[in-house]
N, C-alpha and C. Protein backbone atom coordinates (compact mmCIF):
# COMPACT_ATOMS: atom_id res chain seq x y z
N MET A 1 1.49 -24.24 25.77
CA MET A 1 0.21 -24.39 25.48
C MET A 1 0.14 -22.58 24.67
N SER A 2 -0.19 -22.89 23.61
CA SER A 2 0.13 -21.69 21.72
C SER A 2 -1.27 -21.15 23.10
N GLU A 3 -1.33 -20.18 22.07
CA GLU A 3 -2.54 -18.96 21.92
C GLU A 3 -3.07 -18.90 20.21
N GLU A 4 -4.50 -19.52 20.55
CA GLU A 4 -4.99 -18.80 18.74
C GLU A 4 -5.15 -17.74 18.68
N ALA A 5 -4.73 -16.45 17.76
CA ALA A 5 -5.91 -15.82 17.07
C ALA A 5 -6.86 -15.49 16.74
N ILE A 6 -7.90 -14.85 17.37
CA ILE A 6 -8.78 -14.79 16.96
C ILE A 6 -8.78 -12.90 15.55
N ILE A 7 -9.93 -13.42 14.94
CA ILE A 7 -10.26 -12.95 13.05
C ILE A 7 -11.85 -12.77 13.70
N GLY A 8 -11.19 -11.43 13.21
CA GLY A 8 -12.47 -10.13 12.47
C GLY A 8 -12.41 -9.14 13.32
N TRP A 9 -13.19 -8.14 12.90
CA TRP A 9 -13.60 -6.93 14.08
C TRP A 9 -14.85 -7.59 15.03
N LYS A 10 -15.32 -8.23 14.52
CA LYS A 10 -16.26 -8.68 15.14
C LYS A 10 -16.06 -9.16 16.97
N ALA A 11 -14.83 -10.59 15.99
CA ALA A 11 -14.25 -10.91 17.36
C ALA A 11 -14.24 -9.93 18.64
N ILE A 12 -12.85 -9.58 17.82
CA ILE A 12 -12.08 -8.70 19.05
C ILE A 12 -13.03 -7.31 19.82
N GLY A 13 -14.50 -7.53 18.47
CA GLY A 13 -15.59 -6.43 19.37
C GLY A 13 -16.02 -6.70 20.66
N ASP A 14 -16.26 -8.17 20.41
CA ASP A 14 -17.53 -9.34 21.54
C ASP A 14 -15.98 -9.50 22.94
N MET A 15 -14.72 -9.10 22.37
CA MET A 15 -14.11 -9.48 23.45
C MET A 15 -14.34 -8.26 24.51
N PHE A 16 -14.61 -7.11 23.92
CA PHE A 16 -14.48 -6.05 24.77
C PHE A 16 -15.64 -5.65 25.25
N GLN A 17 -16.95 -6.67 24.21
CA GLN A 17 -18.38 -6.40 24.86
C GLN A 17 -18.50 -4.22 23.87
N LYS A 18 -18.20 -4.56 22.82
CA LYS A 18 -18.03 -3.08 21.70
C LYS A 18 -18.43 -3.68 20.16
N SER A 19 -19.71 -2.64 19.78
CA SER A 19 -19.49 -3.64 18.04
C SER A 19 -18.22 -3.65 17.45
N PRO A 20 -18.97 -4.04 16.49
CA PRO A 20 -16.97 -3.70 15.70
C PRO A 20 -17.12 -2.63 15.02
N THR A 21 -18.13 -2.34 14.64
CA THR A 21 -17.67 -0.61 14.11
C THR A 21 -17.19 0.48 15.48
N ALA A 22 -17.66 0.17 16.57
CA ALA A 22 -16.61 0.41 17.48
C ALA A 22 -14.92 -0.07 17.64
N MET A 23 -14.97 -0.99 16.50
CA MET A 23 -13.43 -1.71 17.61
C MET A 23 -12.70 -0.68 15.78
N MET A 24 -13.36 -0.84 14.88
CA MET A 24 -13.05 0.02 13.26
C MET A 24 -12.33 1.69 13.75
N ARG A 25 -12.83 2.26 14.39
CA ARG A 25 -12.44 3.95 14.59
C ARG A 25 -11.48 3.52 14.94
N ARG A 26 -11.19 2.21 15.87
CA ARG A 26 -9.36 2.14 16.82
C ARG A 26 -8.03 1.83 15.70
N ARG A 27 -8.45 1.55 13.98
CA ARG A 27 -7.87 1.18 13.86
C ARG A 27 -6.70 1.30 13.40
N LYS A 28 -6.46 2.52 13.66
CA LYS A 28 -5.23 2.51 13.62
C LYS A 28 -4.46 3.34 14.97
N GLU A 29 -4.63 3.23 15.67
CA GLU A 29 -4.35 2.69 17.00
C GLU A 29 -4.04 1.36 18.03
N PHE A 30 -4.25 0.65 17.23
CA PHE A 30 -4.36 -0.77 17.45
C PHE A 30 -3.24 -1.19 16.46
N GLU A 31 -3.11 -0.81 15.04
CA GLU A 31 -2.01 -0.89 14.72
C GLU A 31 -0.82 -0.42 14.76
N GLU A 32 -0.97 0.93 15.28
CA GLU A 32 0.44 1.15 16.02
C GLU A 32 1.01 1.36 17.14
N ALA A 33 0.11 0.46 17.67
CA ALA A 33 1.08 -0.18 19.27
C ALA A 33 0.61 -2.29 18.36
N GLY A 34 0.33 -2.27 17.60
CA GLY A 34 1.16 -3.36 17.32
C GLY A 34 -0.10 -4.20 17.86
N VAL A 35 -1.65 -4.07 18.18
CA VAL A 35 -2.12 -6.24 18.29
C VAL A 35 -2.87 -6.29 17.68
N ILE A 36 -2.66 -5.26 16.26
CA ILE A 36 -3.42 -5.95 15.42
C ILE A 36 -2.69 -6.28 14.27
N PHE A 37 -3.39 -7.74 13.03
CA PHE A 37 -2.22 -7.40 12.09
C PHE A 37 -2.74 -7.94 11.33
N PHE A 38 -3.01 -8.01 9.49
CA PHE A 38 -3.92 -8.06 8.74
C PHE A 38 -3.29 -9.38 8.01
N MET A 39 -3.70 -10.66 7.06
CA MET A 39 -3.39 -11.69 6.58
C MET A 39 -4.58 -11.76 5.79
N ARG A 40 -4.41 -12.42 4.37
CA ARG A 40 -5.20 -12.66 3.68
C ARG A 40 -5.93 -13.95 3.43
N HIS A 41 -7.17 -14.18 3.74
CA HIS A 41 -7.72 -15.97 3.29
C HIS A 41 -8.54 -15.21 2.15
N GLY A 42 -7.60 -16.55 1.69
CA GLY A 42 -8.51 -17.55 -0.25
C GLY A 42 -7.70 -17.00 -0.94
N SER A 43 -8.18 -17.62 -1.85
CA SER A 43 -7.85 -17.46 -3.01
C SER A 43 -7.95 -16.29 -4.39
N ARG A 44 -7.18 -15.64 -4.93
CA ARG A 44 -7.13 -14.35 -6.05
C ARG A 44 -8.19 -13.55 -5.36
N PRO A 45 -8.22 -12.60 -5.60
CA PRO A 45 -6.59 -13.01 -4.64
C PRO A 45 -6.87 -12.08 -3.01
N GLY A 46 -8.16 -12.45 -2.17
CA GLY A 46 -8.21 -12.74 -1.34
C GLY A 46 -8.14 -12.11 -0.79
N ARG A 47 -9.29 -11.65 0.40
CA ARG A 47 -9.82 -10.99 1.50
C ARG A 47 -8.49 -10.69 2.87
N ARG A 48 -8.57 -8.50 3.41
CA ARG A 48 -7.00 -9.13 3.70
C ARG A 48 -8.20 -9.13 5.02
N MET A 49 -7.92 -10.08 6.28
CA MET A 49 -8.73 -10.30 7.38
C MET A 49 -8.23 -9.53 8.84
N VAL A 50 -8.67 -8.10 9.30
CA VAL A 50 -7.15 -8.68 10.59
C VAL A 50 -7.74 -9.96 12.27
N HIS A 51 -6.67 -9.79 12.82
CA HIS A 51 -6.17 -10.52 13.56
C HIS A 51 -5.88 -10.18 14.24
N ALA A 52 -5.76 -10.99 16.10
CA ALA A 52 -4.87 -10.14 16.92
C ALA A 52 -5.37 -11.09 18.11
N PHE A 53 -3.80 -11.68 18.29
CA PHE A 53 -4.11 -12.11 19.74
C PHE A 53 -4.25 -11.44 21.09
N PRO A 54 -5.82 -12.25 21.43
CA PRO A 54 -6.46 -12.00 22.89
C PRO A 54 -5.56 -11.30 24.17
N SER A 55 -3.93 -11.72 24.02
CA SER A 55 -3.29 -11.45 25.90
C SER A 55 -2.72 -9.77 24.95
N MET A 56 -2.86 -10.00 23.78
CA MET A 56 -1.27 -8.84 24.05
C MET A 56 -2.35 -7.59 23.02
N LEU A 57 -4.22 -7.97 23.12
CA LEU A 57 -5.32 -6.61 23.38
C LEU A 57 -5.41 -6.95 25.13
N LEU A 58 -5.33 -7.10 25.29
CA LEU A 58 -5.52 -7.41 26.98
C LEU A 58 -4.38 -6.25 27.43
N ARG A 59 -3.15 -6.76 26.85
CA ARG A 59 -2.49 -6.15 28.26
C ARG A 59 -2.39 -4.62 27.37
N TYR A 60 -2.63 -4.69 26.27
CA TYR A 60 -2.91 -2.59 25.84
C TYR A 60 -4.18 -1.98 26.89
N VAL A 61 -4.67 -2.56 26.84
CA VAL A 61 -5.82 -2.15 27.61
C VAL A 61 -5.41 -1.47 28.88
N VAL A 62 -4.71 -2.97 29.64
CA VAL A 62 -4.28 -2.54 31.07
C VAL A 62 -3.36 -1.14 30.84
N VAL A 63 -1.84 -1.08 29.55
CA VAL A 63 -1.11 -0.16 29.75
C VAL A 63 -1.93 1.24 30.22
N LYS A 64 -3.33 1.67 28.56
CA LYS A 64 -4.31 2.26 28.46
C LYS A 64 -4.94 3.11 29.90
N SER A 65 -5.55 2.15 30.67
CA SER A 65 -6.12 2.13 31.63
C SER A 65 -4.93 2.53 32.90
N SER A 66 -4.33 2.25 32.87
CA SER A 66 -3.56 2.96 33.51
C SER A 66 -2.65 4.63 33.72
N SER A 67 -2.85 4.67 32.21
CA SER A 67 -2.89 5.75 32.27
C SER A 67 -3.52 6.97 32.60
N GLY A 68 -5.56 6.67 32.54
CA GLY A 68 -6.36 7.06 32.93
C GLY A 68 -7.12 6.69 32.07
N GLU A 69 -6.84 6.32 30.77
CA GLU A 69 -7.55 6.56 29.43
C GLU A 69 -8.55 5.69 28.82
N LYS A 70 -9.70 5.00 28.22
CA LYS A 70 -10.39 4.78 27.78
C LYS A 70 -10.25 3.38 26.71
N ILE A 71 -10.70 2.73 26.65
CA ILE A 71 -10.87 2.56 25.16
C ILE A 71 -12.61 2.07 24.97
C-alpha cells in the first residue's frame, strides 16, 4: 500500500494540531531532517508547495521526543 504525501503547511499543522505559521517557523529544521520537500504546482512559473509524508513526520517527532525535545 502506498502512502500519499500531504500538501501545504496547513495540512502539516493540522497533523500536529498547530498553526501553519508555527510549522513554517520549523521549516529549516524539517528541511535539514529531510522530512519535507518542495514541488512546483501549476505552470509558468508554478508555485513551490511544501509536501511531506505523514510517516516521515511522525518518525521525526518520535526521535525528537525520545531526546526530550518538543515539537
